[in-house]
Amino acid sequence: MVEVANLTRGGVLAGQCALGVTFYLRLRGLMFRPVFGPFDGLWLAPTREIHMFWVRFPIDLIWLDDGLRVVEVTRGIRPWRLKTCSRARSVLELPVGAAGDTQPGDRIAFHASGASA
């Protein structure tokens, strides 16, 4: 688990972000979970698209380029939707509202959170 911060605007976007860096973890994502937790963020890398099939709740998406700069923010995407961002190389999935005032161009950082995975 890692902490995710918006360096441009200050503040923590996710205190306990899980890393979806294998094919299986990216494929499963948030499917079949009744709530977002036990973590409060999921970083899927590499990817340029997500699906919301079998996800039971809406989420915010922060699309990132290779330099961890925000290229797009999608707020409140609902279940049973698809979303693609051709400029992105990864996406940060967050609970609705957690993207806050994050905007394209913002710089995002990942830091060890000290929690065991």
PDB file of N, CA and C in Angstrom:
ATOM      1  N   MET A   1       0.842  -1.186   0.000  1.00  0.00           N
ATOM      2  CA  MET A   1       0.000   0.000   0.000  1.00  0.00           C
ATOM      3  C   MET A   1       0.886   1.247   0.000  1.00  0.00           C
ATOM      4  N   VAL A   2       0.384   2.259  -0.683  1.00  0.00           N
ATOM      5  CA  VAL A   2       1.099   3.529  -0.742  1.00  0.00           C
ATOM      6  C   VAL A   2       0.130   4.674  -0.475  1.00  0.00           C
ATOM      7  N   GLU A   3       0.685   5.812  -0.097  1.00  0.00           N
ATOM      8  CA  GLU A   3      -0.087   7.041   0.039  1.00  0.00           C
ATOM      9  C   GLU A   3       0.049   7.805  -1.268  1.00  0.00           C
ATOM     10  N   VAL A   4      -1.049   8.421  -1.712  1.00  0.00           N
ATOM     11  CA  VAL A   4      -1.044   9.191  -2.950  1.00  0.00           C
ATOM     12  C   VAL A   4      -1.363  10.643  -2.615  1.00  0.00           C
ATOM     13  N   ALA A   5      -0.501  11.551  -3.075  1.00  0.00           N
ATOM     14  CA  ALA A   5      -0.675  12.976  -2.791  1.00  0.00           C
ATOM     15  C   ALA A   5      -0.716  13.782  -4.083  1.00  0.00           C
ATOM     16  N   ASN A   6      -1.456  14.871  -4.052  1.00  0.00           N
ATOM     17  CA  ASN A   6      -1.459  15.837  -5.143  1.00  0.00           C
ATOM     18  C   ASN A   6      -0.432  16.901  -4.773  1.00  0.00           C
ATOM     19  N   LEU A   7       0.726  16.870  -5.416  1.00  0.00           N
ATOM     20  CA  LEU A   7       1.808  17.806  -5.094  1.00  0.00           C
ATOM     21  C   LEU A   7       1.482  19.230  -5.507  1.00  0.00           C
ATOM     22  N   THR A   8       0.708  19.387  -6.555  1.00  0.00           N
ATOM     23  CA  THR A   8       0.381  20.715  -7.061  1.00  0.00           C
ATOM     24  C   THR A   8      -0.551  21.464  -6.122  1.00  0.00           C
ATOM     25  N   ARG A   9      -1.577  20.811  -5.648  1.00  0.00           N
ATOM     26  CA  ARG A   9      -2.602  21.460  -4.823  1.00  0.00           C
ATOM     27  C   ARG A   9      -2.479  21.142  -3.348  1.00  0.00           C
ATOM     28  N   GLY A  10      -1.593  20.208  -3.010  1.00  0.00           N
ATOM     29  CA  GLY A  10      -1.442  19.794  -1.618  1.00  0.00           C
ATOM     30  C   GLY A  10      -2.554  18.836  -1.227  1.00  0.00           C
ATOM     31  N   GLY A  11      -2.298  18.043  -0.249  1.00  0.00           N
ATOM     32  CA  GLY A  11      -3.314  17.130   0.257  1.00  0.00           C
ATOM     33  C   GLY A  11      -3.135  15.702  -0.228  1.00  0.00           C
ATOM     34  N   VAL A  12      -3.720  14.812   0.540  1.00  0.00           N
ATOM     35  CA  VAL A  12      -3.650  13.380   0.268  1.00  0.00           C
ATOM     36  C   VAL A  12      -4.906  12.951  -0.473  1.00  0.00           C
ATOM     37  N   LEU A  13      -4.723  12.243  -1.585  1.00  0.00           N
ATOM     38  CA  LEU A  13      -5.855  11.714  -2.344  1.00  0.00           C
ATOM     39  C   LEU A  13      -6.265  10.343  -1.837  1.00  0.00           C
ATOM     40  N   ALA A  14      -5.286   9.544  -1.397  1.00  0.00           N
ATOM     41  CA  ALA A  14      -5.552   8.214  -0.850  1.00  0.00           C
ATOM     42  C   ALA A  14      -4.482   7.891   0.184  1.00  0.00           C
ATOM     43  N   GLY A  15      -4.905   7.524   1.371  1.00  0.00           N
ATOM     44  CA  GLY A  15      -3.963   7.174   2.437  1.00  0.00           C
ATOM     45  C   GLY A  15      -3.451   5.761   2.315  1.00  0.00           C
ATOM     46  N   GLN A  16      -4.273   4.871   1.788  1.00  0.00           N
ATOM     47  CA  GLN A  16      -3.924   3.465   1.612  1.00  0.00           C
ATOM     48  C   GLN A  16      -4.322   3.040   0.200  1.00  0.00           C
ATOM     49  N   CYS A  17      -3.440   3.240  -0.739  1.00  0.00           N
ATOM     50  CA  CYS A  17      -3.720   2.925  -2.139  1.00  0.00           C
ATOM     51  C   CYS A  17      -3.130   1.564  -2.491  1.00  0.00           C
ATOM     52  N   ALA A  18      -3.978   0.675  -3.001  1.00  0.00           N
ATOM     53  CA  ALA A  18      -3.518  -0.629  -3.481  1.00  0.00           C
ATOM     54  C   ALA A  18      -2.960  -0.474  -4.892  1.00  0.00           C
ATOM     55  N   LEU A  19      -2.021  -1.342  -5.239  1.00  0.00           N
ATOM     56  CA  LEU A  19      -1.374  -1.273  -6.538  1.00  0.00           C
ATOM     57  C   LEU A  19      -1.864  -2.409  -7.423  1.00  0.00           C
ATOM     58  N   GLY A  20      -2.487  -2.071  -8.530  1.00  0.00           N
ATOM     59  CA  GLY A  20      -2.950  -3.053  -9.501  1.00  0.00           C
ATOM     60  C   GLY A  20      -1.967  -3.098 -10.650  1.00  0.00           C
ATOM     61  N   VAL A  21      -0.863  -3.802 -10.452  1.00  0.00           N
ATOM     62  CA  VAL A  21       0.209  -3.785 -11.438  1.00  0.00           C
ATOM     63  C   VAL A  21       0.378  -5.118 -12.171  1.00  0.00           C
ATOM     64  N   THR A  22      -0.461  -6.097 -11.878  1.00  0.00           N
ATOM     65  CA  THR A  22      -0.439  -7.342 -12.635  1.00  0.00           C
ATOM     66  C   THR A  22      -1.711  -7.414 -13.474  1.00  0.00           C
ATOM     67  N   PHE A  23      -1.689  -8.259 -14.494  1.00  0.00           N
ATOM     68  CA  PHE A  23      -2.865  -8.402 -15.349  1.00  0.00           C
ATOM     69  C   PHE A  23      -4.099  -8.765 -14.534  1.00  0.00           C
ATOM     70  N   TYR A  24      -3.993  -9.739 -13.640  1.00  0.00           N
ATOM     71  CA  TYR A  24      -5.142 -10.176 -12.851  1.00  0.00           C
ATOM     72  C   TYR A  24      -5.677  -9.048 -11.966  1.00  0.00           C
ATOM     73  N   LEU A  25      -4.790  -8.338 -11.280  1.00  0.00           N
ATOM     74  CA  LEU A  25      -5.235  -7.249 -10.398  1.00  0.00           C
ATOM     75  C   LEU A  25      -5.895  -6.126 -11.184  1.00  0.00           C
ATOM     76  N   ARG A  26      -5.379  -5.817 -12.374  1.00  0.00           N
ATOM     77  CA  ARG A  26      -6.011  -4.788 -13.209  1.00  0.00           C
ATOM     78  C   ARG A  26      -7.363  -5.259 -13.718  1.00  0.00           C
ATOM     79  N   LEU A  27      -7.456  -6.529 -14.113  1.00  0.00           N
ATOM     80  CA  LEU A  27      -8.719  -7.072 -14.612  1.00  0.00           C
ATOM     81  C   LEU A  27      -9.788  -7.076 -13.522  1.00  0.00           C
ATOM     82  N   ARG A  28      -9.442  -7.555 -12.332  1.00  0.00           N
ATOM     83  CA  ARG A  28     -10.421  -7.649 -11.244  1.00  0.00           C
ATOM     84  C   ARG A  28     -10.786  -6.271 -10.699  1.00  0.00           C
ATOM     85  N   GLY A  29      -9.785  -5.429 -10.498  1.00  0.00           N
ATOM     86  CA  GLY A  29     -10.054  -4.079 -10.009  1.00  0.00           C
ATOM     87  C   GLY A  29     -10.985  -4.059  -8.819  1.00  0.00           C
ATOM     88  N   LEU A  30     -12.099  -3.366  -8.954  1.00  0.00           N
ATOM     89  CA  LEU A  30     -13.070  -3.226  -7.865  1.00  0.00           C
ATOM     90  C   LEU A  30     -14.296  -4.127  -8.036  1.00  0.00           C
ATOM     91  N   MET A  31     -14.239  -5.053  -8.982  1.00  0.00           N
ATOM     92  CA  MET A  31     -15.402  -5.915  -9.235  1.00  0.00           C
ATOM     93  C   MET A  31     -15.793  -6.710  -7.996  1.00  0.00           C
ATOM     94  N   PHE A  32     -17.088  -6.836  -7.827  1.00  0.00           N
ATOM     95  CA  PHE A  32     -17.722  -7.671  -6.809  1.00  0.00           C
ATOM     96  C   PHE A  32     -17.529  -7.173  -5.375  1.00  0.00           C
ATOM     97  N   ARG A  33     -16.882  -6.069  -5.163  1.00  0.00           N
ATOM     98  CA  ARG A  33     -16.708  -5.531  -3.806  1.00  0.00           C
ATOM     99  C   ARG A  33     -17.977  -4.771  -3.411  1.00  0.00           C
ATOM    100  N   PRO A  34     -18.436  -4.949  -2.181  1.00  0.00           N
ATOM    101  CA  PRO A  34     -19.629  -4.214  -1.754  1.00  0.00           C
ATOM    102  C   PRO A  34     -19.338  -2.748  -1.436  1.00  0.00           C
ATOM    103  N   VAL A  35     -18.091  -2.456  -1.073  1.00  0.00           N
ATOM    104  CA  VAL A  35     -17.643  -1.094  -0.767  1.00  0.00           C
ATOM    105  C   VAL A  35     -16.235  -0.932  -1.317  1.00  0.00           C
ATOM    106  N   PHE A  36     -15.702   0.263  -1.256  1.00  0.00           N
ATOM    107  CA  PHE A  36     -14.386   0.523  -1.814  1.00  0.00           C
ATOM    108  C   PHE A  36     -13.276  -0.186  -1.051  1.00  0.00           C
ATOM    109  N   GLY A  37     -13.305  -0.215   0.277  1.00  0.00           N
ATOM    110  CA  GLY A  37     -12.220  -0.672   1.138  1.00  0.00           C
ATOM    111  C   GLY A  37     -11.804  -2.111   0.968  1.00  0.00           C
ATOM    112  N   PRO A  38     -10.791  -2.542   1.722  1.00  0.00           N
ATOM    113  CA  PRO A  38     -10.217  -1.882   2.888  1.00  0.00           C
ATOM    114  C   PRO A  38      -9.242  -0.756   2.552  1.00  0.00           C
ATOM    115  N   PHE A  39      -8.941  -0.553   1.314  1.00  0.00           N
ATOM    116  CA  PHE A  39      -8.081   0.546   0.879  1.00  0.00           C
ATOM    117  C   PHE A  39      -8.952   1.683   0.361  1.00  0.00           C
ATOM    118  N   ASP A  40      -8.354   2.870   0.182  1.00  0.00           N
ATOM    119  CA  ASP A  40      -9.140   4.012  -0.287  1.00  0.00           C
ATOM    120  C   ASP A  40      -8.651   4.546  -1.624  1.00  0.00           C
ATOM    121  N   GLY A  41      -7.939   3.711  -2.366  1.00  0.00           N
ATOM    122  CA  GLY A  41      -7.484   4.052  -3.706  1.00  0.00           C
ATOM    123  C   GLY A  41      -6.952   2.805  -4.380  1.00  0.00           C
ATOM    124  N   LEU A  42      -7.028   2.772  -5.704  1.00  0.00           N
ATOM    125  CA  LEU A  42      -6.493   1.658  -6.482  1.00  0.00           C
ATOM    126  C   LEU A  42      -5.823   2.246  -7.719  1.00  0.00           C
ATOM    127  N   TRP A  43      -4.517   2.007  -7.850  1.00  0.00           N
ATOM    128  CA  TRP A  43      -3.760   2.508  -8.992  1.00  0.00           C
ATOM    129  C   TRP A  43      -3.566   1.371  -9.980  1.00  0.00           C
ATOM    130  N   LEU A  44      -4.074   1.540 -11.180  1.00  0.00           N
ATOM    131  CA  LEU A  44      -3.956   0.535 -12.231  1.00  0.00           C
ATOM    132  C   LEU A  44      -2.917   0.998 -13.238  1.00  0.00           C
ATOM    133  N   ALA A  45      -1.843   0.206 -13.376  1.00  0.00           N
ATOM    134  CA  ALA A  45      -0.754   0.583 -14.279  1.00  0.00           C
ATOM    135  C   ALA A  45      -0.113  -0.672 -14.857  1.00  0.00           C
ATOM    136  N   PRO A  46       0.147  -0.703 -16.149  1.00  0.00           N
ATOM    137  CA  PRO A  46      -0.226   0.312 -17.134  1.00  0.00           C
ATOM    138  C   PRO A  46      -1.645   0.062 -17.634  1.00  0.00           C
ATOM    139  N   THR A  47      -2.349   1.111 -17.976  1.00  0.00           N
ATOM    140  CA  THR A  47      -3.657   0.995 -18.615  1.00  0.00           C
ATOM    141  C   THR A  47      -4.077   2.339 -19.186  1.00  0.00           C
ATOM    142  N   ARG A  48      -4.930   2.265 -20.205  1.00  0.00           N
ATOM    143  CA  ARG A  48      -5.527   3.451 -20.820  1.00  0.00           C
ATOM    144  C   ARG A  48      -7.038   3.362 -20.796  1.00  0.00           C
ATOM    145  N   GLU A  49      -7.559   2.279 -20.196  1.00  0.00           N
ATOM    146  CA  GLU A  49      -9.014   2.109 -20.167  1.00  0.00           C
ATOM    147  C   GLU A  49      -9.419   1.308 -18.948  1.00  0.00           C
ATOM    148  N   ILE A  50     -10.659   1.534 -18.525  1.00  0.00           N
ATOM    149  CA  ILE A  50     -11.223   0.774 -17.409  1.00  0.00           C
ATOM    150  C   ILE A  50     -12.648   0.374 -17.777  1.00  0.00           C
ATOM    151  N   HIS A  51     -13.135  -0.619 -17.086  1.00  0.00           N
ATOM    152  CA  HIS A  51     -14.548  -0.997 -17.197  1.00  0.00           C
ATOM    153  C   HIS A  51     -15.142  -0.972 -15.806  1.00  0.00           C
ATOM    154  N   MET A  52     -16.433  -0.746 -15.738  1.00  0.00           N
ATOM    155  CA  MET A  52     -17.146  -0.709 -14.457  1.00  0.00           C
ATOM    156  C   MET A  52     -18.142  -1.868 -14.362  1.00  0.00           C
ATOM    157  N   PHE A  53     -17.884  -2.946 -15.121  1.00  0.00           N
ATOM    158  CA  PHE A  53     -18.755  -4.108 -15.062  1.00  0.00           C
ATOM    159  C   PHE A  53     -18.587  -4.802 -13.703  1.00  0.00           C
ATOM    160  N   TRP A  54     -19.680  -5.122 -13.081  1.00  0.00           N
ATOM    161  CA  TRP A  54     -19.736  -5.792 -11.783  1.00  0.00           C
ATOM    162  C   TRP A  54     -19.144  -4.954 -10.654  1.00  0.00           C
ATOM    163  N   VAL A  55     -18.967  -3.665 -10.879  1.00  0.00           N
ATOM    164  CA  VAL A  55     -18.606  -2.744  -9.805  1.00  0.00           C
ATOM    165  C   VAL A  55     -19.921  -2.175  -9.292  1.00  0.00           C
ATOM    166  N   ARG A  56     -20.088  -2.107  -7.992  1.00  0.00           N
ATOM    167  CA  ARG A  56     -21.392  -1.796  -7.399  1.00  0.00           C
ATOM    168  C   ARG A  56     -21.580  -0.344  -6.980  1.00  0.00           C
ATOM    169  N   PHE A  57     -20.613   0.514  -7.246  1.00  0.00           N
ATOM    170  CA  PHE A  57     -20.681   1.895  -6.764  1.00  0.00           C
ATOM    171  C   PHE A  57     -19.925   2.809  -7.717  1.00  0.00           C
ATOM    172  N   PRO A  58     -20.286   4.094  -7.777  1.00  0.00           N
ATOM    173  CA  PRO A  58     -19.563   5.040  -8.635  1.00  0.00           C
ATOM    174  C   PRO A  58     -18.200   5.390  -8.031  1.00  0.00           C
ATOM    175  N   ILE A  59     -17.279   5.827  -8.885  1.00  0.00           N
ATOM    176  CA  ILE A  59     -15.936   6.200  -8.443  1.00  0.00           C
ATOM    177  C   ILE A  59     -15.444   7.417  -9.228  1.00  0.00           C
ATOM    178  N   ASP A  60     -14.373   8.031  -8.720  1.00  0.00           N
ATOM    179  CA  ASP A  60     -13.644   9.072  -9.437  1.00  0.00           C
ATOM    180  C   ASP A  60     -12.412   8.436 -10.070  1.00  0.00           C
ATOM    181  N   LEU A  61     -11.996   8.950 -11.229  1.00  0.00           N
ATOM    182  CA  LEU A  61     -10.814   8.470 -11.928  1.00  0.00           C
ATOM    183  C   LEU A  61      -9.860   9.630 -12.172  1.00  0.00           C
ATOM    184  N   ILE A  62      -8.591   9.419 -11.866  1.00  0.00           N
ATOM    185  CA  ILE A  62      -7.555  10.398 -12.194  1.00  0.00           C
ATOM    186  C   ILE A  62      -6.590   9.698 -13.140  1.00  0.00           C
ATOM    187  N   TRP A  63      -6.590  10.148 -14.397  1.00  0.00           N
ATOM    188  CA  TRP A  63      -5.768   9.561 -15.448  1.00  0.00           C
ATOM    189  C   TRP A  63      -4.399  10.222 -15.446  1.00  0.00           C
ATOM    190  N   LEU A  64      -3.322   9.421 -15.471  1.00  0.00           N
ATOM    191  CA  LEU A  64      -1.957   9.927 -15.341  1.00  0.00           C
ATOM    192  C   LEU A  64      -1.106   9.557 -16.539  1.00  0.00           C
ATOM    193  N   ASP A  65      -0.154  10.437 -16.889  1.00  0.00           N
ATOM    194  CA  ASP A  65       0.811  10.114 -17.938  1.00  0.00           C
ATOM    195  C   ASP A  65       2.033   9.438 -17.307  1.00  0.00           C
ATOM    196  N   ASP A  66       3.068   9.183 -18.120  1.00  0.00           N
ATOM    197  CA  ASP A  66       4.273   8.516 -17.612  1.00  0.00           C
ATOM    198  C   ASP A  66       4.978   9.301 -16.511  1.00  0.00           C
ATOM    199  N   GLY A  67       4.826  10.612 -16.521  1.00  0.00           N
ATOM    200  CA  GLY A  67       5.469  11.457 -15.523  1.00  0.00           C
ATOM    201  C   GLY A  67       4.605  11.711 -14.297  1.00  0.00           C
ATOM    202  N   LEU A  68       3.504  10.978 -14.151  1.00  0.00           N
ATOM    203  CA  LEU A  68       2.541  11.115 -13.052  1.00  0.00           C
ATOM    204  C   LEU A  68       1.907  12.502 -13.017  1.00  0.00           C
ATOM    205  N   ARG A  69       1.690  13.057 -14.188  1.00  0.00           N
ATOM    206  CA  ARG A  69       0.908  14.295 -14.321  1.00  0.00           C
ATOM    207  C   ARG A  69      -0.503  13.917 -14.730  1.00  0.00           C
ATOM    208  N   VAL A  70      -1.463  14.636 -14.196  1.00  0.00           N
ATOM    209  CA  VAL A  70      -2.871  14.382 -14.499  1.00  0.00           C
ATOM    210  C   VAL A  70      -3.156  14.829 -15.930  1.00  0.00           C
ATOM    211  N   VAL A  71      -3.741  13.915 -16.723  1.00  0.00           N
ATOM    212  CA  VAL A  71      -4.139  14.275 -18.085  1.00  0.00           C
ATOM    213  C   VAL A  71      -5.654  14.428 -18.195  1.00  0.00           C
ATOM    214  N   GLU A  72      -6.393  13.800 -17.288  1.00  0.00           N
ATOM    215  CA  GLU A  72      -7.854  13.911 -17.295  1.00  0.00           C
ATOM    216  C   GLU A  72      -8.389  13.467 -15.938  1.00  0.00           C
ATOM    217  N   VAL A  73      -9.512  14.050 -15.541  1.00  0.00           N
ATOM    218  CA  VAL A  73     -10.207  13.643 -14.311  1.00  0.00           C
ATOM    219  C   VAL A  73     -11.650  13.313 -14.686  1.00  0.00           C
ATOM    220  N   THR A  74     -12.095  12.139 -14.284  1.00  0.00           N
ATOM    221  CA  THR A  74     -13.474  11.712 -14.510  1.00  0.00           C
ATOM    222  C   THR A  74     -14.116  11.552 -13.140  1.00  0.00           C
ATOM    223  N   ARG A  75     -15.158  12.311 -12.887  1.00  0.00           N
ATOM    224  CA  ARG A  75     -15.801  12.275 -11.571  1.00  0.00           C
ATOM    225  C   ARG A  75     -17.124  11.511 -11.641  1.00  0.00           C
ATOM    226  N   GLY A  76     -17.320  10.621 -10.670  1.00  0.00           N
ATOM    227  CA  GLY A  76     -18.606   9.947 -10.503  1.00  0.00           C
ATOM    228  C   GLY A  76     -18.987   8.986 -11.616  1.00  0.00           C
ATOM    229  N   ILE A  77     -18.025   8.263 -12.190  1.00  0.00           N
ATOM    230  CA  ILE A  77     -18.389   7.286 -13.214  1.00  0.00           C
ATOM    231  C   ILE A  77     -19.183   6.160 -12.547  1.00  0.00           C
ATOM    232  N   ARG A  78     -20.292   5.826 -13.166  1.00  0.00           N
ATOM    233  CA  ARG A  78     -21.225   4.859 -12.575  1.00  0.00           C
ATOM    234  C   ARG A  78     -20.940   3.438 -13.060  1.00  0.00           C
ATOM    235  N   PRO A  79     -21.474   2.451 -12.329  1.00  0.00           N
ATOM    236  CA  PRO A  79     -21.330   1.055 -12.747  1.00  0.00           C
ATOM    237  C   PRO A  79     -21.841   0.824 -14.171  1.00  0.00           C
ATOM    238  N   TRP A  80     -21.301  -0.208 -14.796  1.00  0.00           N
ATOM    239  CA  TRP A  80     -21.674  -0.666 -16.129  1.00  0.00           C
ATOM    240  C   TRP A  80     -21.307   0.342 -17.219  1.00  0.00           C
ATOM    241  N   ARG A  81     -20.188   1.026 -17.025  1.00  0.00           N
ATOM    242  CA  ARG A  81     -19.673   1.963 -18.020  1.00  0.00           C
ATOM    243  C   ARG A  81     -18.260   1.557 -18.423  1.00  0.00           C
ATOM    244  N   LEU A  82     -17.817   2.049 -19.560  1.00  0.00           N
ATOM    245  CA  LEU A  82     -16.437   1.934 -20.018  1.00  0.00           C
ATOM    246  C   LEU A  82     -15.861   3.332 -20.109  1.00  0.00           C
ATOM    247  N   LYS A  83     -14.562   3.469 -19.883  1.00  0.00           N
ATOM    248  CA  LYS A  83     -13.911   4.764 -20.029  1.00  0.00           C
ATOM    249  C   LYS A  83     -12.498   4.548 -20.558  1.00  0.00           C
ATOM    250  N   THR A  84     -12.131   5.342 -21.542  1.00  0.00           N
ATOM    251  CA  THR A  84     -10.807   5.280 -22.156  1.00  0.00           C
ATOM    252  C   THR A  84     -10.183   6.668 -22.141  1.00  0.00           C
ATOM    253  N   CYS A  85      -8.878   6.715 -21.941  1.00  0.00           N
ATOM    254  CA  CYS A  85      -8.127   7.966 -22.044  1.00  0.00           C
ATOM    255  C   CYS A  85      -6.835   7.646 -22.786  1.00  0.00           C
ATOM    256  N   SER A  86      -6.792   7.966 -24.073  1.00  0.00           N
ATOM    257  CA  SER A  86      -5.656   7.583 -24.921  1.00  0.00           C
ATOM    258  C   SER A  86      -4.341   8.231 -24.504  1.00  0.00           C
ATOM    259  N   ARG A  87      -4.390   9.370 -23.818  1.00  0.00           N
ATOM    260  CA  ARG A  87      -3.163  10.052 -23.385  1.00  0.00           C
ATOM    261  C   ARG A  87      -2.604   9.481 -22.088  1.00  0.00           C
ATOM    262  N   ALA A  88      -3.375   8.664 -21.391  1.00  0.00           N
ATOM    263  CA  ALA A  88      -2.974   8.143 -20.085  1.00  0.00           C
ATOM    264  C   ALA A  88      -2.104   6.902 -20.203  1.00  0.00           C
ATOM    265  N   ARG A  89      -1.334   6.661 -19.168  1.00  0.00           N
ATOM    266  CA  ARG A  89      -0.551   5.430 -19.040  1.00  0.00           C
ATOM    267  C   ARG A  89      -0.951   4.662 -17.789  1.00  0.00           C
ATOM    268  N   SER A  90      -1.725   5.310 -16.911  1.00  0.00           N
ATOM    269  CA  SER A  90      -2.244   4.656 -15.706  1.00  0.00           C
ATOM    270  C   SER A  90      -3.448   5.440 -15.217  1.00  0.00           C
ATOM    271  N   VAL A  91      -4.171   4.837 -14.281  1.00  0.00           N
ATOM    272  CA  VAL A  91      -5.345   5.505 -13.714  1.00  0.00           C
ATOM    273  C   VAL A  91      -5.414   5.238 -12.220  1.00  0.00           C
ATOM    274  N   LEU A  92      -5.811   6.252 -11.487  1.00  0.00           N
ATOM    275  CA  LEU A  92      -6.023   6.151 -10.054  1.00  0.00           C
ATOM    276  C   LEU A  92      -7.526   6.135  -9.820  1.00  0.00           C
ATOM    277  N   GLU A  93      -8.044   5.045  -9.247  1.00  0.00           N
ATOM    278  CA  GLU A  93      -9.466   4.927  -8.935  1.00  0.00           C
ATOM    279  C   GLU A  93      -9.670   5.300  -7.477  1.00  0.00           C
ATOM    280  N   LEU A  94     -10.631   6.190  -7.229  1.00  0.00           N
ATOM    281  CA  LEU A  94     -10.874   6.726  -5.886  1.00  0.00           C
ATOM    282  C   LEU A  94     -12.361   6.731  -5.577  1.00  0.00           C
ATOM    283  N   PRO A  95     -12.727   6.761  -4.285  1.00  0.00           N
ATOM    284  CA  PRO A  95     -14.137   6.935  -3.949  1.00  0.00           C
ATOM    285  C   PRO A  95     -14.663   8.258  -4.509  1.00  0.00           C
ATOM    286  N   VAL A  96     -15.950   8.318  -4.793  1.00  0.00           N
ATOM    287  CA  VAL A  96     -16.557   9.543  -5.309  1.00  0.00           C
ATOM    288  C   VAL A  96     -16.244  10.717  -4.382  1.00  0.00           C
ATOM    289  N   GLY A  97     -15.789  11.800  -4.974  1.00  0.00           N
ATOM    290  CA  GLY A  97     -15.463  13.009  -4.224  1.00  0.00           C
ATOM    291  C   GLY A  97     -14.006  13.108  -3.817  1.00  0.00           C
ATOM    292  N   ALA A  98     -13.288  11.996  -3.827  1.00  0.00           N
ATOM    293  CA  ALA A  98     -11.900  11.998  -3.366  1.00  0.00           C
ATOM    294  C   ALA A  98     -10.953  12.713  -4.329  1.00  0.00           C
ATOM    295  N   ALA A  99     -11.324  12.847  -5.591  1.00  0.00           N
ATOM    296  CA  ALA A  99     -10.478  13.574  -6.539  1.00  0.00           C
ATOM    297  C   ALA A  99     -10.413  15.053  -6.179  1.00  0.00           C
ATOM    298  N   GLY A 100     -11.390  15.518  -5.422  1.00  0.00           N
ATOM    299  CA  GLY A 100     -11.387  16.906  -4.953  1.00  0.00           C
ATOM    300  C   GLY A 100     -11.228  17.904  -6.070  1.00  0.00           C
ATOM    301  N   ASP A 101     -10.289  18.835  -5.902  1.00  0.00           N
ATOM    302  CA  ASP A 101     -10.070  19.883  -6.906  1.00  0.00           C
ATOM    303  C   ASP A 101      -8.937  19.540  -7.873  1.00  0.00           C
ATOM    304  N   THR A 102      -8.561  18.269  -7.953  1.00  0.00           N
ATOM    305  CA  THR A 102      -7.516  17.824  -8.871  1.00  0.00           C
ATOM    306  C   THR A 102      -7.899  18.183 -10.307  1.00  0.00           C
ATOM    307  N   GLN A 103      -6.933  18.722 -11.040  1.00  0.00           N
ATOM    308  CA  GLN A 103      -7.155  19.185 -12.410  1.00  0.00           C
ATOM    309  C   GLN A 103      -6.046  18.663 -13.329  1.00  0.00           C
ATOM    310  N   PRO A 104      -6.309  18.612 -14.640  1.00  0.00           N
ATOM    311  CA  PRO A 104      -5.242  18.264 -15.586  1.00  0.00           C
ATOM    312  C   PRO A 104      -4.042  19.182 -15.399  1.00  0.00           C
ATOM    313  N   GLY A 105      -2.852  18.580 -15.458  1.00  0.00           N
ATOM    314  CA  GLY A 105      -1.610  19.312 -15.231  1.00  0.00           C
ATOM    315  C   GLY A 105      -1.061  19.146 -13.833  1.00  0.00           C
ATOM    316  N   ASP A 106      -1.894  18.763 -12.878  1.00  0.00           N
ATOM    317  CA  ASP A 106      -1.423  18.547 -11.511  1.00  0.00           C
ATOM    318  C   ASP A 106      -0.419  17.394 -11.483  1.00  0.00           C
ATOM    319  N   ARG A 107       0.510  17.462 -10.557  1.00  0.00           N
ATOM    320  CA  ARG A 107       1.510  16.404 -10.381  1.00  0.00           C
ATOM    321  C   ARG A 107       1.124  15.553  -9.173  1.00  0.00           C
ATOM    322  N   ILE A 108       1.167  14.226  -9.367  1.00  0.00           N
ATOM    323  CA  ILE A 108       0.782  13.262  -8.336  1.00  0.00           C
ATOM    324  C   ILE A 108       2.032  12.526  -7.874  1.00  0.00           C
ATOM    325  N   ALA A 109       2.082  12.179  -6.573  1.00  0.00           N
ATOM    326  CA  ALA A 109       3.220  11.433  -6.029  1.00  0.00           C
ATOM    327  C   ALA A 109       2.713  10.249  -5.219  1.00  0.00           C
ATOM    328  N   PHE A 110       3.475   9.154  -5.265  1.00  0.00           N
ATOM    329  CA  PHE A 110       3.200   7.946  -4.505  1.00  0.00           C
ATOM    330  C   PHE A 110       4.308   7.775  -3.478  1.00  0.00           C
ATOM    331  N   HIS A 111       3.946   7.546  -2.199  1.00  0.00           N
ATOM    332  CA  HIS A 111       4.909   7.385  -1.126  1.00  0.00           C
ATOM    333  C   HIS A 111       4.547   6.157  -0.310  1.00  0.00           C
ATOM    334  N   ALA A 112       5.547   5.452   0.201  1.00  0.00           N
ATOM    335  CA  ALA A 112       5.299   4.316   1.086  1.00  0.00           C
ATOM    336  C   ALA A 112       4.478   4.798   2.270  1.00  0.00           C
ATOM    337  N   SER A 113       3.417   4.044   2.609  1.00  0.00           N
ATOM    338  CA  SER A 113       2.511   4.475   3.678  1.00  0.00           C
ATOM    339  C   SER A 113       2.867   3.881   5.020  1.00  0.00           C
ATOM    340  N   GLY A 114       3.738   2.880   5.040  1.00  0.00           N
ATOM    341  CA  GLY A 114       4.105   2.254   6.298  1.00  0.00           C
ATOM    342  C   GLY A 114       3.193   1.126   6.718  1.00  0.00           C
ATOM    343  N   ALA A 115       2.095   0.903   5.982  1.00  0.00           N
ATOM    344  CA  ALA A 115       1.177  -0.187   6.307  1.00  0.00           C
ATOM    345  C   ALA A 115       1.615  -1.439   5.565  1.00  0.00           C
ATOM    346  N   SER A 116       1.310  -2.587   6.149  1.00  0.00           N
ATOM    347  CA  SER A 116       1.632  -3.842   5.467  1.00  0.00           C
ATOM    348  C   SER A 116       0.579  -4.155   4.441  1.00  0.00           C
ATOM    349  N   ALA A 117       0.998  -4.716   3.329  1.00  0.00           N
ATOM    350  CA  ALA A 117       0.054  -5.020   2.250  1.00  0.00           C
ATOM    351  C   ALA A 117      -0.649  -6.320   2.469  1.00  0.00           C
TER     352      ALA A 117
END
